[in-house]
Structures are given as structure tokens and as C-alpha cells.
Amino acid sequence: MGKMETTWALMKASWQILRKDPELLALPVISAICCLSVMTLFILQGLGHGWLKALAEQSHAGQHDQVAYGFISLFYYCNFLIVIFFNAAIISCAVIRMEGGDPTIGDGLQAAVNRFAQIAGWALIAATVGFLLGMAESGSRRSRGIITGILGLAWSVVSYLAIPLIVIEKTSPLFALDRSYELMRKTWGEQVIGNFSFGLIYTILCLPLFPIILVLNRLWGNASFVPCVIVAGVYLVLLGIVQSALQAIFNAVIFQFARNGTAPDSFSKALLLESMRKG
């Protein structure tokens, strides 16, 4: 409950910033379109070259084909790169707003384009770590899975400020990781842990879908299938777009707070300290 209350307060405070620049919601939309386009391209290529079929057959047989897994790794990396690129654009706009400017989508995209090489390098590091942690967790026993989860949490906290450091302070990916750890430790101490979960609120906000679908089903019976799919799809997409923008804005706020101790009026110092409280 404490984590949920903290997250809800953080989302409301982030929303106050987003309200000043609602056009930033276009960036998660473009990001989602790019990810869907990449997925479609990879599916077509995978079917055309037989990589998807080979991967399915070899996974069923417990085998590992380097070409097929290379194909999946490349797909994984491309999606990481797209998401990080557009997050960097939102973060850049949020920082401009917090410093008294009036950002445009073009400002954010230009900042991300200017740091594209460094963003691509960071995406490679983040995708590799995420891929390895995912493989370790899926193929481990319960005790090792717990250790993997702890390592994943530690990585999330240590790397949390890497993207704003790359796009705002113009650091290299590896230096950004070191600087991110330094800022987090200096601001919140050695035992720091994220006391928030935007995904938790997203899940809770998905719950109203169930009574809506139930009502539609009672009214229209089997004919409600298509309306239910449409309603659920639109709602989840809109919710995901807003959540993505709010999370990137909060990332920028944490960066500004850790870097110079300042924060927008909608955020209190106590709330920001609570968001990364010591364990």
C-alpha cells in the first residue's frame, strides 16, 4: 500500500508537468508505431527466411541455433533503441520545461538525434543486461531466480539516471552508468531502492475494463466480442501512452533533483526522497 500511495502521488505530480506540454504524448505514440513497424518487419523477414520456424523447432527440441537467436537478439535491441530514443526526447523536453523553457516535440527529437550514437550504445548495454537477466531468470531455480531478481532491481536503480545523463549532460554510456550510481548514492545513500511502480498503477487502472466488458456481454451476448476488443484495446493503448510519458517525466525530475537538488512545485522534497527511500 505504501508503494502504491507513493506511486500515485508521483504520477499526479508528473501529470502537472505533462499538462503544460500535452503534445509530448505524441512521442510515446510514435514510439509505439515504430516498435510495431519493426515487429512487423522482423516477422515478415523471419517467416521469409524460416528463422521463426527454426527457432520454434529448436526451442521445442532444447537446441540453440546461433542464427535464430541472433535474429531474436537483434529484434530485442531494435525495440530497446526505439523506446530509449523517444524516452530521451521526452526527458529532454521535461528538463527544458523545469528550467523555465517552453519545449516543443522538435526540441526533444533534436536532442535525441544529436546524441543518437550514445543512445545506441546505451541501448546495446541495457538490452544485453536485460537479455542476460531474462535468460538467467527463466532458466534458473527458485533460489537463483530470487538472486536474479535482486540483481535486476540493483541494475534498475544504478542505471536509472543514465538516459538523462546521456542526453542532458552529454556523457558517454559507460560514464553515464558510473555517474548515475554516484548521483543515486549521493542523494539517497548506499541502500537505495525504488519505492514506486508505475506498472502497479497501470495494472490497477486496467481493472475497470472487467465490469465494462461484463456489462457489454450481458447486453449483447456473443455480439459484444468485437466491441469489447475495441474498447479494451483503445483503453489499454491510451493508458500505456500516458504512463510512458509520465514515467519519462518522472525520470527527468529525479535527475534534476539528484543533480542540483531542485524539483518542480508539484513535487515535494519528502516525496522524492520517499520515492527512492533507503531499504
C-alpha atoms as a PDB file:
ATOM      1  CA  MET A   1       0.000   0.000   0.000  1.00  0.00           C
ATOM      2  CA  GLY A   2       2.857   2.373   0.798  1.00  0.00           C
ATOM      3  CA  LYS A   3       4.398   1.804  -2.620  1.00  0.00           C
ATOM      4  CA  MET A   4       1.037   2.318  -4.306  1.00  0.00           C
ATOM      5  CA  GLU A   5       0.403   5.596  -2.456  1.00  0.00           C
ATOM      6  CA  THR A   6       3.871   6.877  -3.303  1.00  0.00           C
ATOM      7  CA  THR A   7       3.483   5.921  -6.958  1.00  0.00           C
ATOM      8  CA  TRP A   8       0.073   7.555  -7.223  1.00  0.00           C
ATOM      9  CA  ALA A   9       1.460  10.794  -5.733  1.00  0.00           C
ATOM     10  CA  LEU A  10       4.397  10.697  -8.172  1.00  0.00           C
ATOM     11  CA  MET A  11       2.100  10.130 -11.147  1.00  0.00           C
ATOM     12  CA  LYS A  12      -0.166  13.028 -10.134  1.00  0.00           C
ATOM     13  CA  ALA A  13       2.835  15.317  -9.703  1.00  0.00           C
ATOM     14  CA  SER A  14       4.247  14.233 -13.083  1.00  0.00           C
ATOM     15  CA  TRP A  15       0.834  14.850 -14.629  1.00  0.00           C
ATOM     16  CA  GLN A  16       1.065  18.508 -13.584  1.00  0.00           C
ATOM     17  CA  ILE A  17       4.149  18.820 -15.800  1.00  0.00           C
ATOM     18  CA  LEU A  18       2.596  16.890 -18.670  1.00  0.00           C
ATOM     19  CA  ARG A  19      -0.456  19.194 -18.598  1.00  0.00           C
ATOM     20  CA  LYS A  20       1.800  22.078 -19.609  1.00  0.00           C
ATOM     21  CA  ASP A  21       3.069  20.167 -22.670  1.00  0.00           C
ATOM     22  CA  PRO A  22       0.350  17.646 -23.661  1.00  0.00           C
ATOM     23  CA  GLU A  23       1.855  17.399 -27.138  1.00  0.00           C
ATOM     24  CA  LEU A  24       4.575  15.223 -25.573  1.00  0.00           C
ATOM     25  CA  LEU A  25       2.043  12.375 -25.657  1.00  0.00           C
ATOM     26  CA  ALA A  26       2.763  12.178 -29.376  1.00  0.00           C
ATOM     27  CA  LEU A  27       6.241  10.818 -28.638  1.00  0.00           C
ATOM     28  CA  PRO A  28       5.080   7.549 -26.990  1.00  0.00           C
ATOM     29  CA  VAL A  29       2.594   7.176 -29.859  1.00  0.00           C
ATOM     30  CA  ILE A  30       5.368   7.480 -32.446  1.00  0.00           C
ATOM     31  CA  SER A  31       7.496   5.107 -30.372  1.00  0.00           C
ATOM     32  CA  ALA A  32       4.707   2.504 -30.326  1.00  0.00           C
ATOM     33  CA  ILE A  33       4.177   2.849 -34.087  1.00  0.00           C
ATOM     34  CA  CYS A  34       7.909   2.385 -34.704  1.00  0.00           C
ATOM     35  CA  CYS A  35       8.002  -0.700 -32.447  1.00  0.00           C
ATOM     36  CA  LEU A  36       5.005  -2.219 -34.249  1.00  0.00           C
ATOM     37  CA  SER A  37       6.634  -1.472 -37.608  1.00  0.00           C
ATOM     38  CA  VAL A  38       9.875  -3.135 -36.526  1.00  0.00           C
ATOM     39  CA  MET A  39       7.949  -6.153 -35.207  1.00  0.00           C
ATOM     40  CA  THR A  40       6.074  -6.490 -38.498  1.00  0.00           C
ATOM     41  CA  LEU A  41       9.314  -6.232 -40.462  1.00  0.00           C
ATOM     42  CA  PHE A  42      11.022  -8.852 -38.305  1.00  0.00           C
ATOM     43  CA  ILE A  43       8.047 -11.213 -38.512  1.00  0.00           C
ATOM     44  CA  LEU A  44       7.997 -10.944 -42.305  1.00  0.00           C
ATOM     45  CA  GLN A  45      11.751 -11.474 -42.503  1.00  0.00           C
ATOM     46  CA  GLY A  46      11.609 -14.320 -40.002  1.00  0.00           C
ATOM     47  CA  LEU A  47       8.879 -16.100 -41.946  1.00  0.00           C
ATOM     48  CA  GLY A  48      10.549 -15.430 -45.272  1.00  0.00           C
ATOM     49  CA  HIS A  49      13.913 -16.836 -44.193  1.00  0.00           C
ATOM     50  CA  GLY A  50      12.494 -19.578 -41.970  1.00  0.00           C
ATOM     51  CA  TRP A  51      14.147 -18.212 -38.820  1.00  0.00           C
ATOM     52  CA  LEU A  52      10.968 -18.192 -36.750  1.00  0.00           C
ATOM     53  CA  LYS A  53      10.138 -21.771 -37.702  1.00  0.00           C
ATOM     54  CA  ALA A  54      13.691 -22.887 -36.938  1.00  0.00           C
ATOM     55  CA  LEU A  55      13.628 -21.086 -33.597  1.00  0.00           C
ATOM     56  CA  ALA A  56      10.341 -22.733 -32.605  1.00  0.00           C
ATOM     57  CA  GLU A  57      11.550 -26.200 -33.610  1.00  0.00           C
ATOM     58  CA  GLN A  58      14.899 -25.841 -31.894  1.00  0.00           C
ATOM     59  CA  SER A  59      13.365 -24.422 -28.703  1.00  0.00           C
ATOM     60  CA  HIS A  60      10.977 -27.382 -28.585  1.00  0.00           C
ATOM     61  CA  ALA A  61      13.931 -29.740 -29.023  1.00  0.00           C
ATOM     62  CA  GLY A  62      16.029 -27.899 -26.446  1.00  0.00           C
ATOM     63  CA  GLN A  63      18.539 -26.783 -29.062  1.00  0.00           C
ATOM     64  CA  HIS A  64      20.029 -23.368 -29.681  1.00  0.00           C
ATOM     65  CA  ASP A  65      20.709 -22.025 -33.157  1.00  0.00           C
ATOM     66  CA  GLN A  66      23.044 -19.039 -33.303  1.00  0.00           C
ATOM     67  CA  VAL A  67      21.389 -17.501 -36.355  1.00  0.00           C
ATOM     68  CA  ALA A  68      17.859 -17.792 -34.932  1.00  0.00           C
ATOM     69  CA  TYR A  69      18.894 -16.396 -31.548  1.00  0.00           C
ATOM     70  CA  GLY A  70      20.875 -13.656 -33.248  1.00  0.00           C
ATOM     71  CA  PHE A  71      17.660 -12.744 -35.077  1.00  0.00           C
ATOM     72  CA  ILE A  72      15.757 -12.504 -31.762  1.00  0.00           C
ATOM     73  CA  SER A  73      18.597 -10.543 -30.142  1.00  0.00           C
ATOM     74  CA  LEU A  74      18.588  -8.003 -32.981  1.00  0.00           C
ATOM     75  CA  PHE A  75      14.813  -7.604 -32.665  1.00  0.00           C
ATOM     76  CA  TYR A  76      15.196  -7.137 -28.903  1.00  0.00           C
ATOM     77  CA  TYR A  77      17.877  -4.497 -29.410  1.00  0.00           C
ATOM     78  CA  CYS A  78      15.915  -2.539 -32.031  1.00  0.00           C
ATOM     79  CA  ASN A  79      12.942  -2.240 -29.694  1.00  0.00           C
ATOM     80  CA  PHE A  80      15.200  -1.127 -26.833  1.00  0.00           C
ATOM     81  CA  LEU A  81      16.752   1.505 -29.106  1.00  0.00           C
ATOM     82  CA  ILE A  82      13.362   2.890 -30.192  1.00  0.00           C
ATOM     83  CA  VAL A  83      11.965   3.096 -26.659  1.00  0.00           C
ATOM     84  CA  ILE A  84      15.137   4.672 -25.227  1.00  0.00           C
ATOM     85  CA  PHE A  85      15.364   7.178 -28.106  1.00  0.00           C
ATOM     86  CA  PHE A  86      11.855   8.527 -27.571  1.00  0.00           C
ATOM     87  CA  ASN A  87      12.222   8.441 -23.773  1.00  0.00           C
ATOM     88  CA  ALA A  88      15.329  10.584 -24.218  1.00  0.00           C
ATOM     89  CA  ALA A  89      13.259  13.040 -26.271  1.00  0.00           C
ATOM     90  CA  ILE A  90      10.574  13.299 -23.555  1.00  0.00           C
ATOM     91  CA  ILE A  91      13.204  13.666 -20.821  1.00  0.00           C
ATOM     92  CA  SER A  92      14.891  16.456 -22.758  1.00  0.00           C
ATOM     93  CA  CYS A  93      11.578  18.331 -23.105  1.00  0.00           C
ATOM     94  CA  ALA A  94      10.783  17.841 -19.409  1.00  0.00           C
ATOM     95  CA  VAL A  95      14.160  19.252 -18.380  1.00  0.00           C
ATOM     96  CA  ILE A  96      13.662  22.261 -20.647  1.00  0.00           C
ATOM     97  CA  ARG A  97      10.259  22.864 -19.011  1.00  0.00           C
ATOM     98  CA  MET A  98      11.696  22.531 -15.488  1.00  0.00           C
ATOM     99  CA  GLU A  99      14.428  25.029 -16.357  1.00  0.00           C
ATOM    100  CA  GLY A 100      11.821  27.596 -17.379  1.00  0.00           C
ATOM    101  CA  GLY A 101      11.712  26.972 -21.126  1.00  0.00           C
ATOM    102  CA  ASP A 102       8.815  26.126 -23.427  1.00  0.00           C
ATOM    103  CA  PRO A 103       9.811  22.907 -25.210  1.00  0.00           C
ATOM    104  CA  THR A 104       8.436  21.540 -28.459  1.00  0.00           C
ATOM    105  CA  ILE A 105       8.445  17.988 -29.761  1.00  0.00           C
ATOM    106  CA  GLY A 106      11.110  19.112 -32.217  1.00  0.00           C
ATOM    107  CA  ASP A 107      13.371  20.183 -29.348  1.00  0.00           C
ATOM    108  CA  GLY A 108      13.145  16.748 -27.771  1.00  0.00           C
ATOM    109  CA  LEU A 109      13.698  14.869 -31.021  1.00  0.00           C
ATOM    110  CA  GLN A 110      16.634  17.100 -31.942  1.00  0.00           C
ATOM    111  CA  ALA A 111      18.276  16.463 -28.571  1.00  0.00           C
ATOM    112  CA  ALA A 112      17.844  12.708 -29.028  1.00  0.00           C
ATOM    113  CA  VAL A 113      19.145  12.823 -32.620  1.00  0.00           C
ATOM    114  CA  ASN A 114      22.209  14.795 -31.503  1.00  0.00           C
ATOM    115  CA  ARG A 115      23.034  12.004 -29.029  1.00  0.00           C
ATOM    116  CA  PHE A 116      21.930   9.103 -31.222  1.00  0.00           C
ATOM    117  CA  ALA A 117      25.303   7.327 -31.222  1.00  0.00           C
ATOM    118  CA  GLN A 118      25.493   7.430 -27.421  1.00  0.00           C
ATOM    119  CA  ILE A 119      21.836   6.377 -27.114  1.00  0.00           C
ATOM    120  CA  ALA A 120      22.509   3.446 -29.454  1.00  0.00           C
ATOM    121  CA  GLY A 121      25.489   2.439 -27.313  1.00  0.00           C
ATOM    122  CA  TRP A 122      23.422   2.626 -24.127  1.00  0.00           C
ATOM    123  CA  ALA A 123      20.607   0.635 -25.760  1.00  0.00           C
ATOM    124  CA  LEU A 124      23.139  -2.106 -26.540  1.00  0.00           C
ATOM    125  CA  ILE A 125      24.304  -2.221 -22.911  1.00  0.00           C
ATOM    126  CA  ALA A 126      20.754  -2.122 -21.490  1.00  0.00           C
ATOM    127  CA  ALA A 127      19.437  -4.716 -23.957  1.00  0.00           C
ATOM    128  CA  THR A 128      22.349  -7.064 -23.244  1.00  0.00           C
ATOM    129  CA  VAL A 129      21.892  -6.826 -19.481  1.00  0.00           C
ATOM    130  CA  GLY A 130      18.115  -7.250 -19.809  1.00  0.00           C
ATOM    131  CA  PHE A 131      18.505 -10.229 -22.136  1.00  0.00           C
ATOM    132  CA  LEU A 132      21.005 -11.960 -19.837  1.00  0.00           C
ATOM    133  CA  LEU A 133      18.892 -11.319 -16.736  1.00  0.00           C
ATOM    134  CA  GLY A 134      15.807 -12.628 -18.554  1.00  0.00           C
ATOM    135  CA  MET A 135      17.594 -15.797 -19.640  1.00  0.00           C
ATOM    136  CA  ALA A 136      19.014 -16.351 -16.155  1.00  0.00           C
ATOM    137  CA  GLU A 137      15.615 -15.887 -14.513  1.00  0.00           C
ATOM    138  CA  SER A 138      13.718 -18.136 -16.933  1.00  0.00           C
ATOM    139  CA  GLY A 139      16.243 -20.929 -16.711  1.00  0.00           C
ATOM    140  CA  SER A 140      17.030 -20.888 -13.003  1.00  0.00           C
ATOM    141  CA  ARG A 141      15.676 -22.491  -9.890  1.00  0.00           C
ATOM    142  CA  ARG A 142      13.678 -20.526  -7.360  1.00  0.00           C
ATOM    143  CA  SER A 143      16.659 -19.549  -5.184  1.00  0.00           C
ATOM    144  CA  ARG A 144      18.695 -18.444  -8.173  1.00  0.00           C
ATOM    145  CA  GLY A 145      15.631 -16.670  -9.539  1.00  0.00           C
ATOM    146  CA  ILE A 146      15.447 -14.584  -6.366  1.00  0.00           C
ATOM    147  CA  ILE A 147      19.102 -13.630  -6.751  1.00  0.00           C
ATOM    148  CA  THR A 148      18.478 -12.724 -10.385  1.00  0.00           C
ATOM    149  CA  GLY A 149      15.542 -10.548  -9.302  1.00  0.00           C
ATOM    150  CA  ILE A 150      17.741  -8.737  -6.786  1.00  0.00           C
ATOM    151  CA  LEU A 151      20.385  -8.164  -9.459  1.00  0.00           C
ATOM    152  CA  GLY A 152      17.711  -6.847 -11.811  1.00  0.00           C
ATOM    153  CA  LEU A 153      16.471  -4.404  -9.167  1.00  0.00           C
ATOM    154  CA  ALA A 154      20.033  -3.261  -8.461  1.00  0.00           C
ATOM    155  CA  TRP A 155      20.619  -2.687 -12.176  1.00  0.00           C
ATOM    156  CA  SER A 156      17.387  -0.681 -12.489  1.00  0.00           C
ATOM    157  CA  VAL A 157      18.362   1.604  -9.617  1.00  0.00           C
ATOM    158  CA  VAL A 158      22.013   2.047 -10.629  1.00  0.00           C
ATOM    159  CA  SER A 159      21.169   2.782 -14.276  1.00  0.00           C
ATOM    160  CA  TYR A 160      18.078   4.911 -13.592  1.00  0.00           C
ATOM    161  CA  LEU A 161      19.698   8.239 -14.469  1.00  0.00           C
ATOM    162  CA  ALA A 162      21.750   7.005 -17.415  1.00  0.00           C
ATOM    163  CA  ILE A 163      19.422   8.257 -20.176  1.00  0.00           C
ATOM    164  CA  PRO A 164      19.054  11.839 -18.872  1.00  0.00           C
ATOM    165  CA  LEU A 165      22.813  11.958 -18.257  1.00  0.00           C
ATOM    166  CA  ILE A 166      23.489  10.924 -21.861  1.00  0.00           C
ATOM    167  CA  VAL A 167      21.017  13.357 -23.427  1.00  0.00           C
ATOM    168  CA  ILE A 168      21.331  16.311 -20.999  1.00  0.00           C
ATOM    169  CA  GLU A 169      24.913  16.176 -19.695  1.00  0.00           C
ATOM    170  CA  LYS A 170      26.133  14.608 -22.959  1.00  0.00           C
ATOM    171  CA  THR A 171      28.148  11.852 -21.276  1.00  0.00           C
ATOM    172  CA  SER A 172      29.236   8.552 -22.783  1.00  0.00           C
ATOM    173  CA  PRO A 173      27.172   5.421 -21.942  1.00  0.00           C
ATOM    174  CA  LEU A 174      29.736   3.905 -19.579  1.00  0.00           C
ATOM    175  CA  PHE A 175      30.436   7.196 -17.834  1.00  0.00           C
ATOM    176  CA  ALA A 176      26.672   7.748 -17.561  1.00  0.00           C
ATOM    177  CA  LEU A 177      26.339   4.454 -15.699  1.00  0.00           C
ATOM    178  CA  ASP A 178      29.087   5.394 -13.261  1.00  0.00           C
ATOM    179  CA  ARG A 179      27.716   8.924 -12.823  1.00  0.00           C
ATOM    180  CA  SER A 180      24.172   7.566 -12.352  1.00  0.00           C
ATOM    181  CA  TYR A 181      25.352   5.367  -9.492  1.00  0.00           C
ATOM    182  CA  GLU A 182      27.270   8.264  -7.968  1.00  0.00           C
ATOM    183  CA  LEU A 183      24.245  10.609  -8.049  1.00  0.00           C
ATOM    184  CA  MET A 184      21.867   7.987  -6.654  1.00  0.00           C
ATOM    185  CA  ARG A 185      24.261   7.108  -3.820  1.00  0.00           C
ATOM    186  CA  LYS A 186      24.971  10.758  -3.012  1.00  0.00           C
ATOM    187  CA  THR A 187      21.271  11.678  -2.894  1.00  0.00           C
ATOM    188  CA  TRP A 188      19.699   8.599  -1.310  1.00  0.00           C
ATOM    189  CA  GLY A 189      22.590   6.784   0.343  1.00  0.00           C
ATOM    190  CA  GLU A 190      24.114   3.349  -0.094  1.00  0.00           C
ATOM    191  CA  GLN A 191      20.952   1.303   0.475  1.00  0.00           C
ATOM    192  CA  VAL A 192      18.665   2.803  -2.144  1.00  0.00           C
ATOM    193  CA  ILE A 193      15.625   1.052  -3.572  1.00  0.00           C
ATOM    194  CA  GLY A 194      12.865   2.229  -5.872  1.00  0.00           C
ATOM    195  CA  ASN A 195       9.774   2.677  -3.721  1.00  0.00           C
ATOM    196  CA  PHE A 196       7.432   3.127  -6.667  1.00  0.00           C
ATOM    197  CA  SER A 197       5.955   1.108  -9.513  1.00  0.00           C
ATOM    198  CA  PHE A 198       4.206   2.829 -12.392  1.00  0.00           C
ATOM    199  CA  GLY A 199       3.345  -0.638 -13.693  1.00  0.00           C
ATOM    200  CA  LEU A 200       1.419  -1.358 -10.484  1.00  0.00           C
ATOM    201  CA  ILE A 201      -0.863   1.648 -11.005  1.00  0.00           C
ATOM    202  CA  TYR A 202      -1.220   0.714 -14.677  1.00  0.00           C
ATOM    203  CA  THR A 203      -2.456  -2.736 -13.643  1.00  0.00           C
ATOM    204  CA  ILE A 204      -4.908  -1.256 -11.147  1.00  0.00           C
ATOM    205  CA  LEU A 205      -6.243   1.196 -13.723  1.00  0.00           C
ATOM    206  CA  CYS A 206      -6.846  -1.745 -16.066  1.00  0.00           C
ATOM    207  CA  LEU A 207      -9.346  -3.259 -13.600  1.00  0.00           C
ATOM    208  CA  PRO A 208     -12.327  -1.068 -14.691  1.00  0.00           C
ATOM    209  CA  LEU A 209     -12.230  -2.912 -18.002  1.00  0.00           C
ATOM    210  CA  PHE A 210     -13.701  -6.036 -16.417  1.00  0.00           C
ATOM    211  CA  PRO A 211     -17.060  -4.563 -15.317  1.00  0.00           C
ATOM    212  CA  ILE A 212     -17.339  -2.723 -18.650  1.00  0.00           C
ATOM    213  CA  ILE A 213     -16.782  -5.949 -20.586  1.00  0.00           C
ATOM    214  CA  LEU A 214     -19.210  -7.783 -18.283  1.00  0.00           C
ATOM    215  CA  VAL A 215     -21.933  -5.184 -18.917  1.00  0.00           C
ATOM    216  CA  LEU A 216     -21.381  -5.307 -22.688  1.00  0.00           C
ATOM    217  CA  ASN A 217     -21.515  -9.092 -22.599  1.00  0.00           C
ATOM    218  CA  ARG A 218     -24.809  -9.070 -20.677  1.00  0.00           C
ATOM    219  CA  LEU A 219     -26.320  -6.540 -23.076  1.00  0.00           C
ATOM    220  CA  TRP A 220     -25.198  -8.033 -26.370  1.00  0.00           C
ATOM    221  CA  GLY A 221     -24.070 -11.589 -25.620  1.00  0.00           C
ATOM    222  CA  ASN A 222     -21.694 -13.052 -28.223  1.00  0.00           C
ATOM    223  CA  ALA A 223     -22.143  -9.946 -30.365  1.00  0.00           C
ATOM    224  CA  SER A 224     -20.185  -7.991 -27.735  1.00  0.00           C
ATOM    225  CA  PHE A 225     -16.862  -9.650 -28.653  1.00  0.00           C
ATOM    226  CA  VAL A 226     -15.775  -7.057 -31.239  1.00  0.00           C
ATOM    227  CA  PRO A 227     -16.894  -4.001 -29.180  1.00  0.00           C
ATOM    228  CA  CYS A 228     -15.120  -5.457 -26.129  1.00  0.00           C
ATOM    229  CA  VAL A 229     -11.888  -5.926 -28.063  1.00  0.00           C
ATOM    230  CA  ILE A 230     -12.102  -2.379 -29.435  1.00  0.00           C
ATOM    231  CA  VAL A 231     -12.893  -0.802 -26.056  1.00  0.00           C
ATOM    232  CA  ALA A 232     -10.174  -2.776 -24.271  1.00  0.00           C
ATOM    233  CA  GLY A 233      -7.613  -2.085 -26.990  1.00  0.00           C
ATOM    234  CA  VAL A 234      -8.220   1.667 -27.118  1.00  0.00           C
ATOM    235  CA  TYR A 235      -8.266   1.981 -23.321  1.00  0.00           C
ATOM    236  CA  LEU A 236      -5.062  -0.010 -22.815  1.00  0.00           C
ATOM    237  CA  VAL A 237      -3.226   1.861 -25.565  1.00  0.00           C
ATOM    238  CA  LEU A 238      -4.233   5.279 -24.219  1.00  0.00           C
ATOM    239  CA  LEU A 239      -3.330   4.235 -20.691  1.00  0.00           C
ATOM    240  CA  GLY A 240       0.040   2.934 -21.860  1.00  0.00           C
ATOM    241  CA  ILE A 241       0.797   6.160 -23.743  1.00  0.00           C
ATOM    242  CA  VAL A 242       0.086   8.320 -20.699  1.00  0.00           C
ATOM    243  CA  GLN A 243       2.008   6.001 -18.366  1.00  0.00           C
ATOM    244  CA  SER A 244       5.043   6.019 -20.649  1.00  0.00           C
ATOM    245  CA  ALA A 245       5.103   9.828 -20.797  1.00  0.00           C
ATOM    246  CA  LEU A 246       4.631  10.206 -17.025  1.00  0.00           C
ATOM    247  CA  GLN A 247       7.402   7.713 -16.287  1.00  0.00           C
ATOM    248  CA  ALA A 248       9.857   9.540 -18.569  1.00  0.00           C
ATOM    249  CA  ILE A 249       8.927  12.880 -16.976  1.00  0.00           C
ATOM    250  CA  PHE A 250       9.495  11.452 -13.512  1.00  0.00           C
ATOM    251  CA  ASN A 251      12.879  10.158 -14.689  1.00  0.00           C
ATOM    252  CA  ALA A 252      13.769  13.745 -15.642  1.00  0.00           C
ATOM    253  CA  VAL A 253      12.541  15.050 -12.271  1.00  0.00           C
ATOM    254  CA  ILE A 254      14.667  12.522 -10.359  1.00  0.00           C
ATOM    255  CA  PHE A 255      17.646  13.517 -12.497  1.00  0.00           C
ATOM    256  CA  GLN A 256      17.204  17.229 -11.753  1.00  0.00           C
ATOM    257  CA  PHE A 257      16.705  16.536  -8.054  1.00  0.00           C
ATOM    258  CA  ALA A 258      19.804  14.337  -7.819  1.00  0.00           C
ATOM    259  CA  ARG A 259      21.900  16.737  -9.879  1.00  0.00           C
ATOM    260  CA  ASN A 260      21.106  20.081  -8.260  1.00  0.00           C
ATOM    261  CA  GLY A 261      18.525  19.452  -5.530  1.00  0.00           C
ATOM    262  CA  THR A 262      15.706  21.285  -7.302  1.00  0.00           C
ATOM    263  CA  ALA A 263      12.296  19.990  -8.366  1.00  0.00           C
ATOM    264  CA  PRO A 264       9.039  21.348  -9.840  1.00  0.00           C
ATOM    265  CA  ASP A 265       6.440  22.812  -7.473  1.00  0.00           C
ATOM    266  CA  SER A 266       4.241  19.705  -7.833  1.00  0.00           C
ATOM    267  CA  PHE A 267       6.979  17.579  -6.221  1.00  0.00           C
ATOM    268  CA  SER A 268       7.944  17.911  -2.584  1.00  0.00           C
ATOM    269  CA  LYS A 269      11.416  17.019  -1.377  1.00  0.00           C
ATOM    270  CA  ALA A 270       9.904  14.476   1.030  1.00  0.00           C
ATOM    271  CA  LEU A 271       8.055  12.762  -1.832  1.00  0.00           C
ATOM    272  CA  LEU A 272      11.187  12.496  -3.951  1.00  0.00           C
ATOM    273  CA  LEU A 273      13.205  11.147  -1.032  1.00  0.00           C
ATOM    274  CA  GLU A 274      10.428   8.629  -0.335  1.00  0.00           C
ATOM    275  CA  SER A 275      10.413   7.521  -3.981  1.00  0.00           C
ATOM    276  CA  MET A 276      13.951   6.146  -3.617  1.00  0.00           C
ATOM    277  CA  ARG A 277      13.951   5.584   0.110  1.00  0.00           C
ATOM    278  CA  LYS A 278      16.689   3.619   1.820  1.00  0.00           C
ATOM    279  CA  GLY A 279      15.894  -0.018   2.393  1.00  0.00           C
END
